[in-house]
Amino acid sequence: MKQLDGTGMKRLHRSWRAVTGGRLALVLDGLGTPANVGAIIRTAAAYRIDHLWLAGPTPSPEMAGVAKVALGTERYVPWTPTPTAVAAVEAARGDGYLVVGVELADDAVPLHQVFRE
């Protein structure tokens, strides 16, 4: 299997957007492991995430450990560092995003039910 190039990514995203039409962004708050951030960036690029806010001590895509795992996909996801998660959420809301927190907790609502309630 061959990794998609820039043209392949654009074709993939165009076909996905034709059936979804929604905008999606992510706020990463306090992720400490560069490899995890790199993996999230690769997934974000595949899903054509519109924007990524990196809150607090979350490593940036410019960091070697992040870039190593991201495998060049960081160029497809615009990102902004923010000092706090609150600042990131405010920026996301200011850009018109509905903000949904994802966390493993006792009273968490399954993600597939979030928009039904």
Protein backbone atom coordinates (compact mmCIF):
# COMPACT_ATOMS: atom_id res chain seq x y z
CA MET A 1 0.00 0.00 0.00
CA LYS A 2 1.34 3.43 -0.96
CA GLN A 3 0.96 6.59 1.14
CA LEU A 4 -1.22 9.25 -0.50
CA ASP A 5 0.53 12.28 -1.96
CA GLY A 6 -0.92 15.81 -1.86
CA THR A 7 -3.16 15.22 -4.90
CA GLY A 8 -4.40 11.94 -3.48
CA MET A 9 -5.24 13.61 -0.15
CA LYS A 10 -7.21 16.34 -1.96
CA ARG A 11 -9.21 13.76 -3.93
CA LEU A 12 -9.95 11.78 -0.78
CA HIS A 13 -11.07 14.89 1.10
CA ARG A 14 -13.23 16.09 -1.78
CA SER A 15 -15.07 12.75 -1.89
CA TRP A 16 -15.59 12.73 1.90
CA ARG A 17 -16.77 16.35 2.03
CA ALA A 18 -19.30 15.64 -0.70
CA VAL A 19 -21.17 13.35 1.70
CA THR A 20 -20.61 15.18 5.00
CA GLY A 21 -20.42 18.94 4.45
CA GLY A 22 -19.53 19.61 8.09
CA ARG A 23 -16.55 21.38 9.60
CA LEU A 24 -14.45 19.70 12.24
CA ALA A 25 -11.61 20.99 14.38
CA LEU A 26 -9.72 19.63 17.38
CA VAL A 27 -8.41 21.09 20.63
CA LEU A 28 -5.58 19.10 22.19
CA ASP A 29 -5.09 20.01 25.83
CA GLY A 30 -1.93 19.04 27.65
CA LEU A 31 -0.91 16.03 25.61
CA GLY A 32 2.58 15.25 26.77
CA THR A 33 3.79 12.58 24.39
CA PRO A 34 5.04 13.83 21.01
CA ALA A 35 4.26 10.47 19.38
CA ASN A 36 0.60 10.74 20.41
CA VAL A 37 0.36 14.25 18.97
CA GLY A 38 1.96 13.04 15.73
CA ALA A 39 -0.52 10.16 15.49
CA ILE A 40 -3.45 12.53 16.07
CA ILE A 41 -2.12 14.84 13.36
CA ARG A 42 -1.94 11.94 10.89
CA THR A 43 -5.53 11.02 11.71
CA ALA A 44 -6.60 14.68 11.53
CA ALA A 45 -5.04 14.99 8.07
CA ALA A 46 -6.83 11.86 6.91
CA TYR A 47 -10.17 13.23 8.12
CA ARG A 48 -9.38 16.72 6.81
CA ILE A 49 -9.71 18.44 10.14
CA ASP A 50 -10.08 22.16 9.44
CA HIS A 51 -7.97 23.37 12.35
CA LEU A 52 -6.05 22.12 15.36
CA TRP A 53 -5.57 24.12 18.56
CA LEU A 54 -2.68 23.00 20.78
CA ALA A 55 -3.32 24.06 24.36
CA GLY A 56 -0.86 24.35 27.20
CA PRO A 57 2.20 22.10 27.05
CA THR A 58 1.00 20.09 24.03
CA PRO A 59 4.04 19.61 21.73
CA SER A 60 3.90 21.45 18.40
CA PRO A 61 4.13 19.77 14.98
CA GLU A 62 7.53 21.44 14.59
CA MET A 63 8.96 19.22 17.34
CA ALA A 64 11.09 16.36 15.99
CA GLY A 65 9.21 13.61 17.85
CA VAL A 66 5.86 14.86 16.57
CA ALA A 67 7.07 15.29 12.99
CA LYS A 68 8.61 11.81 12.98
CA VAL A 69 5.24 10.18 13.67
CA ALA A 70 3.17 12.67 11.63
CA LEU A 71 5.18 11.67 8.53
CA GLY A 72 4.72 15.02 6.78
CA THR A 73 0.95 15.19 7.25
CA GLU A 74 1.31 18.22 9.55
CA ARG A 75 1.41 20.38 6.42
CA TYR A 76 -2.25 19.51 5.74
CA VAL A 77 -3.61 20.62 9.13
CA PRO A 78 -3.47 24.30 10.12
CA TRP A 79 -2.67 24.65 13.82
CA THR A 80 -2.46 27.34 16.46
CA PRO A 81 -0.75 27.15 19.85
CA THR A 82 -2.76 28.58 22.76
CA PRO A 83 -1.67 29.10 26.37
CA THR A 84 -4.71 27.33 27.86
CA ALA A 85 -7.58 25.05 26.91
CA VAL A 86 -10.00 27.87 27.76
CA ALA A 87 -8.29 30.10 25.18
CA ALA A 88 -8.47 27.29 22.61
CA VAL A 89 -12.17 26.67 23.25
CA GLU A 90 -12.90 30.40 23.00
CA ALA A 91 -11.00 30.55 19.69
CA ALA A 92 -12.91 27.52 18.36
CA ARG A 93 -16.27 28.99 19.38
CA GLY A 94 -15.22 32.32 17.87
CA ASP A 95 -14.64 30.50 14.58
CA GLY A 96 -18.16 29.04 14.74
CA TYR A 97 -17.43 25.54 16.02
CA LEU A 98 -19.67 23.66 18.43
CA VAL A 99 -17.29 22.50 21.16
CA VAL A 100 -17.67 18.97 22.50
CA GLY A 101 -15.30 17.65 25.17
CA VAL A 102 -14.09 14.07 24.86
CA GLU A 103 -12.89 12.40 28.04
CA LEU A 104 -13.12 8.99 29.67
CA ALA A 105 -15.32 9.57 32.74
CA ASP A 106 -18.04 7.80 34.71
CA ASP A 107 -20.84 10.08 33.49
CA ALA A 108 -19.62 10.49 29.89
CA VAL A 109 -22.14 10.40 27.06
CA PRO A 110 -21.13 8.16 24.13
CA LEU A 111 -19.94 10.31 21.24
CA HIS A 112 -22.46 8.86 18.79
CA GLN A 113 -25.26 10.13 21.09
CA VAL A 114 -23.99 13.68 21.49
CA PHE A 115 -25.94 15.17 18.59
CA ARG A 116 -29.14 13.26 19.34
CA GLU A 117 -29.63 14.97 22.69
